[in-house]
Amino acid sequence: YKVDGNENYKKFQSSVKSYIRRAQNVTPPDASDDLVYDKTSHKMLSAPATVNSGNTVSIIKYRFDGDDTWYSLEQLPQKTDAGDYVIYYKVDGNDTFAEFIGTIEVTIGKANQEITAPVGKENLIYSNSEQDLLSSKPLIDNGNTNSSIKYRLDETSKWSEFLPTAVNAGTYTVYYMIEENNNYNVFEGNISV
C-alpha cells in the first residue's frame, strides 16, 4: 500500500503479506448408542473423529462442555449419570490449515425403575369404618429410593403419601407412583382390591 506525501510528509510505501488458512474436513466421532443409566461408567464415544483433509498429523483431542482440559480419546473420562453430554473435539491448526473444533452430543438415558408390586388386602368385609386396602406397600427394587411412594384411588385425584383406605363395599383400583429423579423414569402402576 502507498501513502502520497505532501509538503509536510514524505511519501510512504509498504506491503503486507496475509495468509488465509484452509478449513479442515473432519468427520465427527461416533457417539456410543443406547446408553442407559445402570450405576456403571460408560465410554461415551465408540469411534474417534477422523481428519479427511487437513492437519492429519495432529492428535485429535476431546473435552466435555464445562471442562477446560483436553484429552486423547483413550483418556476422555467416562460418565455414569443419565443426561445429555456435549463433547468438543479439536484438530490443531498449522501453517496451511486453520484449527478445527466441532461438537457432538451423547445421551445416557434414564433407567426404568424395578418395583415389587403391592399386595391388596383379601376378604375385606364392610364394617362402616375406614379400612386399609393394601397389606403391603410396593417395594423399590432398583430405582429412586429417595422418593416417597404416592397413592390415589382414581386417575384424576391428587397423589398422597398416605396408604389408601375405603369405607364402602366395592372393588377399588389403587394407583401408585414413584417419582422420577436424575437417573430413573417415573414409575406408575395399579392394583385392584
N, C-alpha and C. Protein backbone atom coordinates (compact mmCIF):
# COMPACT_ATOMS: atom_id res chain seq x y z
N TYR A 1 0.85 -1.17 0.00
CA TYR A 1 0.00 0.00 0.00
C TYR A 1 0.89 1.22 0.00
N LYS A 2 0.34 2.39 -0.39
CA LYS A 2 1.12 3.58 -0.59
C LYS A 2 0.36 4.79 -0.06
N VAL A 3 1.10 5.68 0.62
CA VAL A 3 0.53 6.95 1.07
C VAL A 3 1.35 8.06 0.41
N ASP A 4 0.66 8.91 -0.37
CA ASP A 4 1.35 10.01 -1.04
C ASP A 4 1.83 11.04 -0.02
N GLY A 5 2.96 11.66 -0.32
CA GLY A 5 3.49 12.70 0.54
C GLY A 5 2.93 14.06 0.19
N ASN A 6 3.28 15.04 0.99
CA ASN A 6 2.95 16.44 0.68
C ASN A 6 4.09 17.31 1.21
N GLU A 7 3.87 18.62 1.36
CA GLU A 7 4.96 19.49 1.80
C GLU A 7 5.41 19.19 3.21
N ASN A 8 4.57 18.51 4.00
CA ASN A 8 4.93 18.20 5.39
C ASN A 8 5.38 16.76 5.62
N TYR A 9 4.97 15.85 4.72
CA TYR A 9 5.25 14.43 4.93
C TYR A 9 5.86 13.80 3.68
N LYS A 10 6.77 12.87 3.92
CA LYS A 10 7.34 12.12 2.82
C LYS A 10 6.36 11.06 2.34
N LYS A 11 6.54 10.65 1.11
CA LYS A 11 5.75 9.55 0.57
C LYS A 11 6.12 8.28 1.32
N PHE A 12 5.08 7.44 1.61
CA PHE A 12 5.33 6.19 2.34
C PHE A 12 4.74 5.04 1.54
N GLN A 13 5.52 3.97 1.45
CA GLN A 13 5.06 2.80 0.74
C GLN A 13 5.51 1.56 1.51
N SER A 14 4.59 0.58 1.60
CA SER A 14 4.92 -0.66 2.30
C SER A 14 4.05 -1.77 1.74
N SER A 15 4.33 -2.97 2.19
CA SER A 15 3.50 -4.11 1.75
C SER A 15 3.23 -5.00 2.96
N VAL A 16 2.11 -5.68 2.92
CA VAL A 16 1.71 -6.61 3.98
C VAL A 16 1.35 -7.94 3.32
N LYS A 17 1.88 -8.99 3.87
CA LYS A 17 1.52 -10.32 3.38
C LYS A 17 0.43 -10.87 4.30
N SER A 18 -0.63 -11.39 3.72
CA SER A 18 -1.67 -12.01 4.52
C SER A 18 -1.87 -13.44 4.02
N TYR A 19 -2.16 -14.29 4.98
CA TYR A 19 -2.35 -15.70 4.66
C TYR A 19 -3.75 -16.11 5.08
N ILE A 20 -4.43 -16.80 4.23
CA ILE A 20 -5.72 -17.37 4.57
C ILE A 20 -5.53 -18.88 4.67
N ARG A 21 -5.69 -19.37 5.88
CA ARG A 21 -5.51 -20.82 6.06
C ARG A 21 -6.77 -21.55 5.66
N ARG A 22 -6.61 -22.72 5.15
CA ARG A 22 -7.73 -23.51 4.64
C ARG A 22 -8.47 -24.21 5.79
N ALA A 23 -9.75 -24.42 5.57
CA ALA A 23 -10.56 -25.16 6.55
C ALA A 23 -10.24 -26.65 6.46
N GLN A 24 -10.33 -27.31 7.59
CA GLN A 24 -10.10 -28.75 7.63
C GLN A 24 -11.42 -29.50 7.45
N ASN A 25 -11.34 -30.64 6.80
CA ASN A 25 -12.51 -31.50 6.62
C ASN A 25 -12.39 -32.64 7.62
N VAL A 26 -13.28 -32.65 8.63
CA VAL A 26 -13.19 -33.61 9.72
C VAL A 26 -14.52 -34.35 9.87
N THR A 27 -14.45 -35.68 9.90
CA THR A 27 -15.63 -36.49 10.17
C THR A 27 -15.81 -36.60 11.69
N PRO A 28 -17.02 -36.31 12.19
CA PRO A 28 -17.22 -36.35 13.65
C PRO A 28 -17.00 -37.75 14.22
N PRO A 29 -16.73 -37.83 15.52
CA PRO A 29 -16.65 -39.13 16.17
C PRO A 29 -18.03 -39.77 16.25
N ASP A 30 -18.07 -41.05 16.52
CA ASP A 30 -19.35 -41.75 16.70
C ASP A 30 -19.72 -41.77 18.17
N ALA A 31 -20.95 -41.37 18.47
CA ALA A 31 -21.45 -41.45 19.85
C ALA A 31 -21.81 -42.90 20.17
N SER A 32 -21.54 -43.30 21.38
CA SER A 32 -21.97 -44.63 21.82
C SER A 32 -23.49 -44.66 21.84
N ASP A 33 -24.06 -45.75 21.32
CA ASP A 33 -25.52 -45.86 21.20
C ASP A 33 -26.15 -46.53 22.41
N ASP A 34 -27.42 -46.22 22.61
CA ASP A 34 -28.27 -46.93 23.57
C ASP A 34 -27.70 -46.98 24.98
N LEU A 35 -27.09 -45.89 25.41
CA LEU A 35 -26.58 -45.84 26.78
C LEU A 35 -27.73 -45.58 27.74
N VAL A 36 -27.80 -46.37 28.81
CA VAL A 36 -28.84 -46.22 29.83
C VAL A 36 -28.18 -46.31 31.19
N TYR A 37 -28.63 -45.48 32.12
CA TYR A 37 -28.08 -45.48 33.48
C TYR A 37 -28.18 -46.88 34.09
N ASP A 38 -27.05 -47.38 34.59
CA ASP A 38 -27.02 -48.70 35.24
C ASP A 38 -26.02 -48.74 36.40
N LYS A 39 -25.70 -47.56 36.93
CA LYS A 39 -24.79 -47.39 38.07
C LYS A 39 -23.33 -47.64 37.71
N THR A 40 -23.02 -47.89 36.43
CA THR A 40 -21.64 -48.08 36.00
C THR A 40 -21.25 -46.95 35.06
N SER A 41 -19.96 -46.74 34.88
CA SER A 41 -19.48 -45.69 33.98
C SER A 41 -19.51 -46.19 32.53
N HIS A 42 -19.72 -45.25 31.62
CA HIS A 42 -19.86 -45.58 30.20
C HIS A 42 -18.85 -44.84 29.34
N LYS A 43 -18.31 -45.53 28.37
CA LYS A 43 -17.48 -44.92 27.34
C LYS A 43 -18.42 -44.15 26.42
N MET A 44 -18.15 -42.86 26.23
CA MET A 44 -19.11 -42.01 25.55
C MET A 44 -18.99 -42.02 24.02
N LEU A 45 -17.81 -42.32 23.50
CA LEU A 45 -17.60 -42.34 22.05
C LEU A 45 -17.18 -43.74 21.63
N SER A 46 -17.79 -44.23 20.55
CA SER A 46 -17.46 -45.57 20.07
C SER A 46 -16.41 -45.56 18.98
N ALA A 47 -16.18 -44.41 18.35
CA ALA A 47 -15.14 -44.29 17.31
C ALA A 47 -14.64 -42.86 17.29
N PRO A 48 -13.36 -42.65 16.97
CA PRO A 48 -12.79 -41.30 17.01
C PRO A 48 -13.21 -40.46 15.81
N ALA A 49 -12.99 -39.16 15.92
CA ALA A 49 -13.10 -38.28 14.76
C ALA A 49 -11.95 -38.59 13.81
N THR A 50 -12.14 -38.30 12.53
CA THR A 50 -11.06 -38.53 11.55
C THR A 50 -10.88 -37.29 10.70
N VAL A 51 -9.61 -37.00 10.37
CA VAL A 51 -9.28 -35.86 9.52
C VAL A 51 -9.21 -36.36 8.09
N ASN A 52 -10.15 -35.91 7.26
CA ASN A 52 -10.17 -36.31 5.84
C ASN A 52 -9.20 -35.48 5.02
N SER A 53 -9.16 -34.18 5.29
CA SER A 53 -8.15 -33.31 4.68
C SER A 53 -7.84 -32.22 5.69
N GLY A 54 -6.57 -32.02 5.92
CA GLY A 54 -6.16 -31.04 6.92
C GLY A 54 -4.90 -31.49 7.61
N ASN A 55 -4.79 -31.16 8.87
CA ASN A 55 -3.60 -31.47 9.66
C ASN A 55 -3.68 -32.93 10.13
N THR A 56 -3.36 -33.85 9.23
CA THR A 56 -3.52 -35.27 9.51
C THR A 56 -2.52 -35.80 10.53
N VAL A 57 -1.52 -35.03 10.87
CA VAL A 57 -0.55 -35.49 11.88
C VAL A 57 -0.93 -35.03 13.29
N SER A 58 -1.97 -34.20 13.39
CA SER A 58 -2.39 -33.71 14.70
C SER A 58 -3.11 -34.81 15.47
N ILE A 59 -2.86 -34.88 16.78
CA ILE A 59 -3.63 -35.78 17.65
C ILE A 59 -4.96 -35.09 17.95
N ILE A 60 -6.04 -35.76 17.64
CA ILE A 60 -7.38 -35.19 17.90
C ILE A 60 -7.64 -35.26 19.39
N LYS A 61 -8.10 -34.13 19.93
CA LYS A 61 -8.33 -34.04 21.38
C LYS A 61 -9.82 -33.83 21.64
N TYR A 62 -10.24 -34.21 22.85
CA TYR A 62 -11.65 -34.18 23.22
C TYR A 62 -11.80 -33.59 24.62
N ARG A 63 -12.95 -32.95 24.86
CA ARG A 63 -13.27 -32.49 26.22
C ARG A 63 -14.78 -32.34 26.33
N PHE A 64 -15.27 -32.41 27.58
CA PHE A 64 -16.69 -32.19 27.84
C PHE A 64 -16.95 -30.70 28.01
N ASP A 65 -18.15 -30.28 27.64
CA ASP A 65 -18.57 -28.90 27.88
C ASP A 65 -18.43 -28.61 29.37
N GLY A 66 -17.81 -27.49 29.70
CA GLY A 66 -17.59 -27.12 31.09
C GLY A 66 -16.27 -27.61 31.66
N ASP A 67 -15.54 -28.40 30.90
CA ASP A 67 -14.22 -28.90 31.33
C ASP A 67 -13.18 -28.24 30.45
N ASP A 68 -12.18 -27.63 31.05
CA ASP A 68 -11.15 -26.93 30.28
C ASP A 68 -10.02 -27.83 29.81
N THR A 69 -9.99 -29.08 30.25
CA THR A 69 -8.89 -29.98 29.92
C THR A 69 -9.22 -30.78 28.67
N TRP A 70 -8.28 -30.81 27.73
CA TRP A 70 -8.42 -31.63 26.52
C TRP A 70 -7.76 -32.98 26.77
N TYR A 71 -8.39 -34.05 26.26
CA TYR A 71 -7.90 -35.42 26.46
C TYR A 71 -7.77 -36.13 25.12
N SER A 72 -6.92 -37.16 25.11
CA SER A 72 -6.97 -38.09 23.98
C SER A 72 -8.26 -38.91 24.13
N LEU A 73 -8.64 -39.62 23.08
CA LEU A 73 -9.87 -40.42 23.16
C LEU A 73 -9.79 -41.44 24.29
N GLU A 74 -8.63 -42.05 24.46
CA GLU A 74 -8.46 -43.08 25.49
C GLU A 74 -8.56 -42.49 26.90
N GLN A 75 -8.19 -41.22 27.06
CA GLN A 75 -8.19 -40.58 28.38
C GLN A 75 -9.50 -39.85 28.70
N LEU A 76 -10.39 -39.72 27.71
CA LEU A 76 -11.63 -38.99 27.93
C LEU A 76 -12.42 -39.66 29.05
N PRO A 77 -12.76 -38.90 30.12
CA PRO A 77 -13.46 -39.53 31.25
C PRO A 77 -14.77 -40.19 30.84
N GLN A 78 -15.09 -41.28 31.51
CA GLN A 78 -16.37 -41.94 31.29
C GLN A 78 -17.42 -41.30 32.20
N LYS A 79 -18.68 -41.45 31.86
CA LYS A 79 -19.77 -40.86 32.62
C LYS A 79 -20.73 -41.94 33.11
N THR A 80 -21.34 -41.68 34.28
CA THR A 80 -22.24 -42.65 34.90
C THR A 80 -23.69 -42.17 34.87
N ASP A 81 -23.93 -40.93 35.26
CA ASP A 81 -25.31 -40.44 35.44
C ASP A 81 -26.00 -40.18 34.12
N ALA A 82 -27.33 -40.35 34.13
CA ALA A 82 -28.14 -40.05 32.95
C ALA A 82 -28.07 -38.56 32.64
N GLY A 83 -28.14 -38.24 31.36
CA GLY A 83 -28.12 -36.84 30.95
C GLY A 83 -27.61 -36.69 29.53
N ASP A 84 -27.66 -35.46 29.04
CA ASP A 84 -27.14 -35.13 27.72
C ASP A 84 -25.78 -34.47 27.90
N TYR A 85 -24.76 -35.01 27.26
CA TYR A 85 -23.39 -34.52 27.39
C TYR A 85 -22.91 -33.99 26.04
N VAL A 86 -22.35 -32.78 26.06
CA VAL A 86 -21.75 -32.20 24.85
C VAL A 86 -20.25 -32.42 24.92
N ILE A 87 -19.71 -33.03 23.86
CA ILE A 87 -18.27 -33.29 23.77
C ILE A 87 -17.71 -32.46 22.62
N TYR A 88 -16.66 -31.70 22.92
CA TYR A 88 -15.93 -30.96 21.90
C TYR A 88 -14.79 -31.83 21.40
N TYR A 89 -14.50 -31.72 20.11
CA TYR A 89 -13.30 -32.38 19.57
C TYR A 89 -12.54 -31.36 18.73
N LYS A 90 -11.20 -31.44 18.80
CA LYS A 90 -10.36 -30.39 18.23
C LYS A 90 -9.21 -31.00 17.43
N VAL A 91 -8.96 -30.38 16.27
CA VAL A 91 -7.77 -30.70 15.46
C VAL A 91 -6.95 -29.42 15.39
N ASP A 92 -5.71 -29.46 15.84
CA ASP A 92 -4.85 -28.28 15.82
C ASP A 92 -4.65 -27.77 14.40
N GLY A 93 -4.44 -26.46 14.30
CA GLY A 93 -4.11 -25.88 13.01
C GLY A 93 -2.61 -25.93 12.76
N ASN A 94 -2.21 -25.57 11.55
CA ASN A 94 -0.79 -25.43 11.20
C ASN A 94 -0.65 -24.29 10.21
N ASP A 95 0.48 -24.21 9.50
CA ASP A 95 0.68 -23.09 8.57
C ASP A 95 -0.32 -23.09 7.42
N THR A 96 -0.87 -24.26 7.10
CA THR A 96 -1.77 -24.38 5.95
C THR A 96 -3.23 -24.43 6.35
N PHE A 97 -3.52 -25.07 7.49
CA PHE A 97 -4.90 -25.31 7.87
C PHE A 97 -5.25 -24.61 9.19
N ALA A 98 -6.48 -24.10 9.25
CA ALA A 98 -6.97 -23.45 10.47
C ALA A 98 -7.36 -24.52 11.49
N GLU A 99 -7.33 -24.14 12.77
CA GLU A 99 -7.78 -25.04 13.84
C GLU A 99 -9.25 -25.40 13.60
N PHE A 100 -9.57 -26.65 13.91
CA PHE A 100 -10.95 -27.11 13.76
C PHE A 100 -11.49 -27.55 15.12
N ILE A 101 -12.69 -27.07 15.50
CA ILE A 101 -13.36 -27.52 16.71
C ILE A 101 -14.81 -27.84 16.35
N GLY A 102 -15.24 -29.05 16.71
CA GLY A 102 -16.61 -29.46 16.48
C GLY A 102 -17.23 -29.97 17.77
N THR A 103 -18.52 -30.25 17.74
CA THR A 103 -19.21 -30.78 18.92
C THR A 103 -20.08 -31.96 18.53
N ILE A 104 -20.31 -32.81 19.50
CA ILE A 104 -21.24 -33.93 19.35
C ILE A 104 -21.94 -34.12 20.69
N GLU A 105 -23.21 -34.49 20.64
CA GLU A 105 -23.98 -34.71 21.88
C GLU A 105 -24.18 -36.20 22.10
N VAL A 106 -23.93 -36.65 23.31
CA VAL A 106 -24.10 -38.05 23.68
C VAL A 106 -25.06 -38.11 24.87
N THR A 107 -25.99 -39.05 24.81
CA THR A 107 -27.02 -39.15 25.85
C THR A 107 -26.91 -40.48 26.60
N ILE A 108 -26.97 -40.39 27.93
CA ILE A 108 -27.21 -41.57 28.76
C ILE A 108 -28.66 -41.46 29.23
N GLY A 109 -29.48 -42.41 28.82
CA GLY A 109 -30.90 -42.36 29.14
C GLY A 109 -31.18 -42.75 30.58
N LYS A 110 -32.35 -42.33 31.06
CA LYS A 110 -32.79 -42.73 32.39
C LYS A 110 -33.20 -44.20 32.37
N ALA A 111 -32.99 -44.87 33.49
CA ALA A 111 -33.40 -46.27 33.61
C ALA A 111 -34.84 -46.35 34.10
N ASN A 112 -35.50 -47.47 33.76
CA ASN A 112 -36.83 -47.74 34.32
C ASN A 112 -36.67 -48.31 35.72
N GLN A 113 -37.55 -47.91 36.61
CA GLN A 113 -37.49 -48.40 37.98
C GLN A 113 -38.06 -49.83 38.05
N GLU A 114 -37.46 -50.64 38.89
CA GLU A 114 -37.93 -52.01 39.08
C GLU A 114 -38.63 -52.08 40.43
N ILE A 115 -39.89 -52.52 40.40
CA ILE A 115 -40.76 -52.46 41.57
C ILE A 115 -41.37 -53.84 41.86
N THR A 116 -41.41 -54.19 43.13
CA THR A 116 -42.24 -55.31 43.56
C THR A 116 -43.61 -54.75 43.90
N ALA A 117 -44.63 -55.22 43.19
CA ALA A 117 -45.97 -54.64 43.31
C ALA A 117 -46.54 -54.80 44.72
N PRO A 118 -47.40 -53.88 45.13
CA PRO A 118 -48.05 -54.02 46.44
C PRO A 118 -49.05 -55.18 46.42
N VAL A 119 -49.47 -55.59 47.59
CA VAL A 119 -50.45 -56.67 47.72
C VAL A 119 -51.72 -56.10 48.33
N GLY A 120 -52.84 -56.36 47.67
CA GLY A 120 -54.12 -55.89 48.19
C GLY A 120 -54.62 -56.80 49.32
N LYS A 121 -55.33 -56.19 50.26
CA LYS A 121 -55.91 -56.98 51.36
C LYS A 121 -57.04 -57.86 50.81
N GLU A 122 -57.10 -59.06 51.32
CA GLU A 122 -58.13 -60.00 50.88
C GLU A 122 -59.22 -60.12 51.96
N ASN A 123 -60.39 -60.56 51.51
CA ASN A 123 -61.52 -60.86 52.40
C ASN A 123 -61.94 -59.67 53.26
N LEU A 124 -61.86 -58.48 52.68
CA LEU A 124 -62.36 -57.31 53.41
C LEU A 124 -63.89 -57.36 53.45
N ILE A 125 -64.46 -57.04 54.60
CA ILE A 125 -65.91 -57.05 54.78
C ILE A 125 -66.34 -55.67 55.27
N TYR A 126 -67.43 -55.18 54.75
CA TYR A 126 -67.94 -53.86 55.14
C TYR A 126 -68.10 -53.79 56.65
N SER A 127 -67.56 -52.70 57.25
CA SER A 127 -67.61 -52.55 58.71
C SER A 127 -68.03 -51.14 59.13
N ASN A 128 -68.44 -50.31 58.16
CA ASN A 128 -68.84 -48.94 58.43
C ASN A 128 -67.70 -48.08 58.95
N SER A 129 -66.43 -48.49 58.67
CA SER A 129 -65.27 -47.70 59.08
C SER A 129 -64.18 -47.82 58.00
N GLU A 130 -63.25 -46.87 58.05
CA GLU A 130 -62.14 -46.89 57.08
C GLU A 130 -61.31 -48.15 57.25
N GLN A 131 -60.96 -48.79 56.11
CA GLN A 131 -60.10 -49.97 56.14
C GLN A 131 -58.96 -49.79 55.13
N ASP A 132 -57.76 -50.21 55.54
CA ASP A 132 -56.63 -50.18 54.61
C ASP A 132 -56.90 -51.13 53.46
N LEU A 133 -56.55 -50.69 52.25
CA LEU A 133 -56.78 -51.52 51.06
C LEU A 133 -55.56 -52.36 50.68
N LEU A 134 -54.40 -52.05 51.27
CA LEU A 134 -53.18 -52.79 50.93
C LEU A 134 -52.64 -53.50 52.16
N SER A 135 -52.15 -54.71 51.96
CA SER A 135 -51.49 -55.42 53.06
C SER A 135 -49.97 -55.21 53.01
N SER A 136 -49.45 -54.78 51.85
CA SER A 136 -48.02 -54.42 51.76
C SER A 136 -47.85 -53.31 50.74
N LYS A 137 -46.86 -52.46 50.99
CA LYS A 137 -46.54 -51.37 50.07
C LYS A 137 -45.72 -51.91 48.90
N PRO A 138 -45.67 -51.14 47.79
CA PRO A 138 -44.73 -51.51 46.73
C PRO A 138 -43.30 -51.38 47.26
N LEU A 139 -42.42 -52.23 46.79
CA LEU A 139 -41.01 -52.16 47.17
C LEU A 139 -40.19 -51.70 45.97
N ILE A 140 -39.29 -50.75 46.20
CA ILE A 140 -38.43 -50.26 45.13
C ILE A 140 -37.19 -51.16 45.10
N ASP A 141 -37.15 -52.06 44.12
CA ASP A 141 -36.01 -52.97 43.99
C ASP A 141 -34.80 -52.26 43.39
N ASN A 142 -35.07 -51.41 42.42
CA ASN A 142 -33.99 -50.66 41.76
C ASN A 142 -34.61 -49.39 41.22
N GLY A 143 -34.30 -48.27 41.86
CA GLY A 143 -34.92 -47.03 41.41
C GLY A 143 -34.67 -45.88 42.36
N ASN A 144 -35.61 -44.96 42.38
CA ASN A 144 -35.50 -43.73 43.15
C ASN A 144 -35.86 -43.99 44.61
N THR A 145 -34.91 -44.55 45.35
CA THR A 145 -35.17 -44.93 46.74
C THR A 145 -35.35 -43.72 47.65
N ASN A 146 -35.04 -42.53 47.18
CA ASN A 146 -35.24 -41.31 47.98
C ASN A 146 -36.65 -40.76 47.83
N SER A 147 -37.44 -41.35 46.95
CA SER A 147 -38.78 -40.83 46.70
C SER A 147 -39.80 -41.51 47.61
N SER A 148 -40.80 -40.75 48.02
CA SER A 148 -41.94 -41.33 48.73
C SER A 148 -42.86 -41.98 47.71
N ILE A 149 -43.44 -43.12 48.08
CA ILE A 149 -44.43 -43.77 47.22
C ILE A 149 -45.75 -43.05 47.44
N LYS A 150 -46.43 -42.72 46.35
CA LYS A 150 -47.68 -41.97 46.46
C LYS A 150 -48.82 -42.79 45.87
N TYR A 151 -50.03 -42.50 46.38
CA TYR A 151 -51.21 -43.30 46.05
C TYR A 151 -52.38 -42.38 45.71
N ARG A 152 -53.35 -42.97 45.01
CA ARG A 152 -54.66 -42.34 44.80
C ARG A 152 -55.64 -43.43 44.34
N LEU A 153 -56.93 -43.12 44.44
CA LEU A 153 -57.95 -44.11 44.11
C LEU A 153 -58.65 -43.86 42.78
N ASP A 154 -58.23 -42.82 42.06
CA ASP A 154 -58.70 -42.63 40.68
C ASP A 154 -57.63 -41.86 39.93
N GLU A 155 -57.83 -41.74 38.63
CA GLU A 155 -56.76 -41.19 37.78
C GLU A 155 -56.68 -39.67 37.81
N THR A 156 -57.62 -39.01 38.45
CA THR A 156 -57.62 -37.54 38.44
C THR A 156 -57.34 -36.92 39.80
N SER A 157 -57.41 -37.70 40.87
CA SER A 157 -57.16 -37.16 42.21
C SER A 157 -55.68 -36.81 42.37
N LYS A 158 -55.40 -35.97 43.38
CA LYS A 158 -54.01 -35.66 43.70
C LYS A 158 -53.36 -36.87 44.35
N TRP A 159 -52.07 -37.02 44.12
CA TRP A 159 -51.31 -38.10 44.76
C TRP A 159 -51.14 -37.79 46.24
N SER A 160 -51.13 -38.85 47.06
CA SER A 160 -50.96 -38.70 48.50
C SER A 160 -49.97 -39.74 49.00
N GLU A 161 -49.24 -39.39 50.05
CA GLU A 161 -48.29 -40.34 50.65
C GLU A 161 -48.99 -41.29 51.63
N PHE A 162 -50.26 -41.05 51.91
CA PHE A 162 -50.99 -41.90 52.85
C PHE A 162 -51.50 -43.15 52.15
N LEU A 163 -51.41 -44.29 52.85
CA LEU A 163 -51.95 -45.53 52.30
C LEU A 163 -53.45 -45.38 52.06
N PRO A 164 -53.96 -45.89 50.95
CA PRO A 164 -55.37 -45.69 50.63
C PRO A 164 -56.29 -46.52 51.54
N THR A 165 -57.41 -45.90 51.86
CA THR A 165 -58.44 -46.58 52.68
C THR A 165 -59.80 -46.37 52.02
N ALA A 166 -60.75 -47.18 52.42
CA ALA A 166 -62.11 -47.03 51.91
C ALA A 166 -63.09 -47.54 52.96
N VAL A 167 -64.36 -47.09 52.86
CA VAL A 167 -65.41 -47.49 53.79
C VAL A 167 -66.41 -48.42 53.12
N ASN A 168 -66.88 -48.03 51.94
CA ASN A 168 -67.97 -48.74 51.30
C ASN A 168 -67.51 -50.03 50.61
N ALA A 169 -68.42 -50.99 50.54
CA ALA A 169 -68.14 -52.23 49.82
C ALA A 169 -67.98 -51.93 48.34
N GLY A 170 -67.13 -52.67 47.68
CA GLY A 170 -66.91 -52.48 46.25
C GLY A 170 -65.51 -52.85 45.85
N THR A 171 -65.24 -52.75 44.56
CA THR A 171 -63.89 -53.01 44.03
C THR A 171 -63.20 -51.68 43.78
N TYR A 172 -62.00 -51.55 44.29
CA TYR A 172 -61.25 -50.29 44.17
C TYR A 172 -59.97 -50.53 43.36
N THR A 173 -59.61 -49.53 42.55
CA THR A 173 -58.31 -49.55 41.87
C THR A 173 -57.39 -48.61 42.62
N VAL A 174 -56.31 -49.17 43.16
CA VAL A 174 -55.32 -48.36 43.87
C VAL A 174 -54.19 -48.05 42.89
N TYR A 175 -54.00 -46.76 42.61
CA TYR A 175 -52.91 -46.32 41.75
C TYR A 175 -51.73 -45.94 42.64
N TYR A 176 -50.52 -46.30 42.22
CA TYR A 176 -49.34 -45.94 42.99
C TYR A 176 -48.25 -45.42 42.05
N MET A 177 -47.39 -44.56 42.59
CA MET A 177 -46.40 -43.86 41.76
C MET A 177 -45.12 -43.63 42.55
N ILE A 178 -43.99 -43.84 41.88
CA ILE A 178 -42.68 -43.47 42.43
C ILE A 178 -42.11 -42.43 41.47
N GLU A 179 -41.78 -41.25 42.01
CA GLU A 179 -41.35 -40.13 41.18
C GLU A 179 -40.04 -40.42 40.46
N GLU A 180 -39.85 -39.70 39.36
CA GLU A 180 -38.58 -39.78 38.65
C GLU A 180 -37.52 -38.97 39.39
N ASN A 181 -36.26 -39.22 39.07
CA ASN A 181 -35.17 -38.36 39.52
C ASN A 181 -34.17 -38.25 38.38
N ASN A 182 -32.96 -37.82 38.65
CA ASN A 182 -32.00 -37.60 37.58
C ASN A 182 -31.68 -38.86 36.79
N ASN A 183 -31.78 -40.02 37.41
CA ASN A 183 -31.35 -41.26 36.76
C ASN A 183 -32.47 -42.26 36.47
N TYR A 184 -33.66 -42.03 37.02
CA TYR A 184 -34.74 -43.00 36.83
C TYR A 184 -36.01 -42.33 36.32
N ASN A 185 -36.72 -43.04 35.44
CA ASN A 185 -38.03 -42.58 34.96
C ASN A 185 -39.07 -42.75 36.05
N VAL A 186 -40.15 -41.99 35.93
CA VAL A 186 -41.27 -42.15 36.85
C VAL A 186 -41.85 -43.56 36.68
N PHE A 187 -42.34 -44.13 37.78
CA PHE A 187 -43.00 -45.44 37.70
C PHE A 187 -44.42 -45.30 38.18
N GLU A 188 -45.38 -45.80 37.40
CA GLU A 188 -46.78 -45.81 37.82
C GLU A 188 -47.35 -47.20 37.61
N GLY A 189 -48.15 -47.66 38.56
CA GLY A 189 -48.82 -48.95 38.46
C GLY A 189 -50.16 -48.88 39.16
N ASN A 190 -50.92 -49.98 39.09
CA ASN A 190 -52.19 -50.02 39.82
C ASN A 190 -52.53 -51.46 40.16
N ILE A 191 -53.40 -51.60 41.13
CA ILE A 191 -53.84 -52.91 41.59
C ILE A 191 -55.30 -52.81 41.98
N SER A 192 -56.07 -53.85 41.68
CA SER A 192 -57.50 -53.87 42.06
C SER A 192 -57.66 -54.59 43.39
N VAL A 193 -58.49 -54.02 44.26
CA VAL A 193 -58.74 -54.60 45.58
C VAL A 193 -60.25 -54.73 45.76
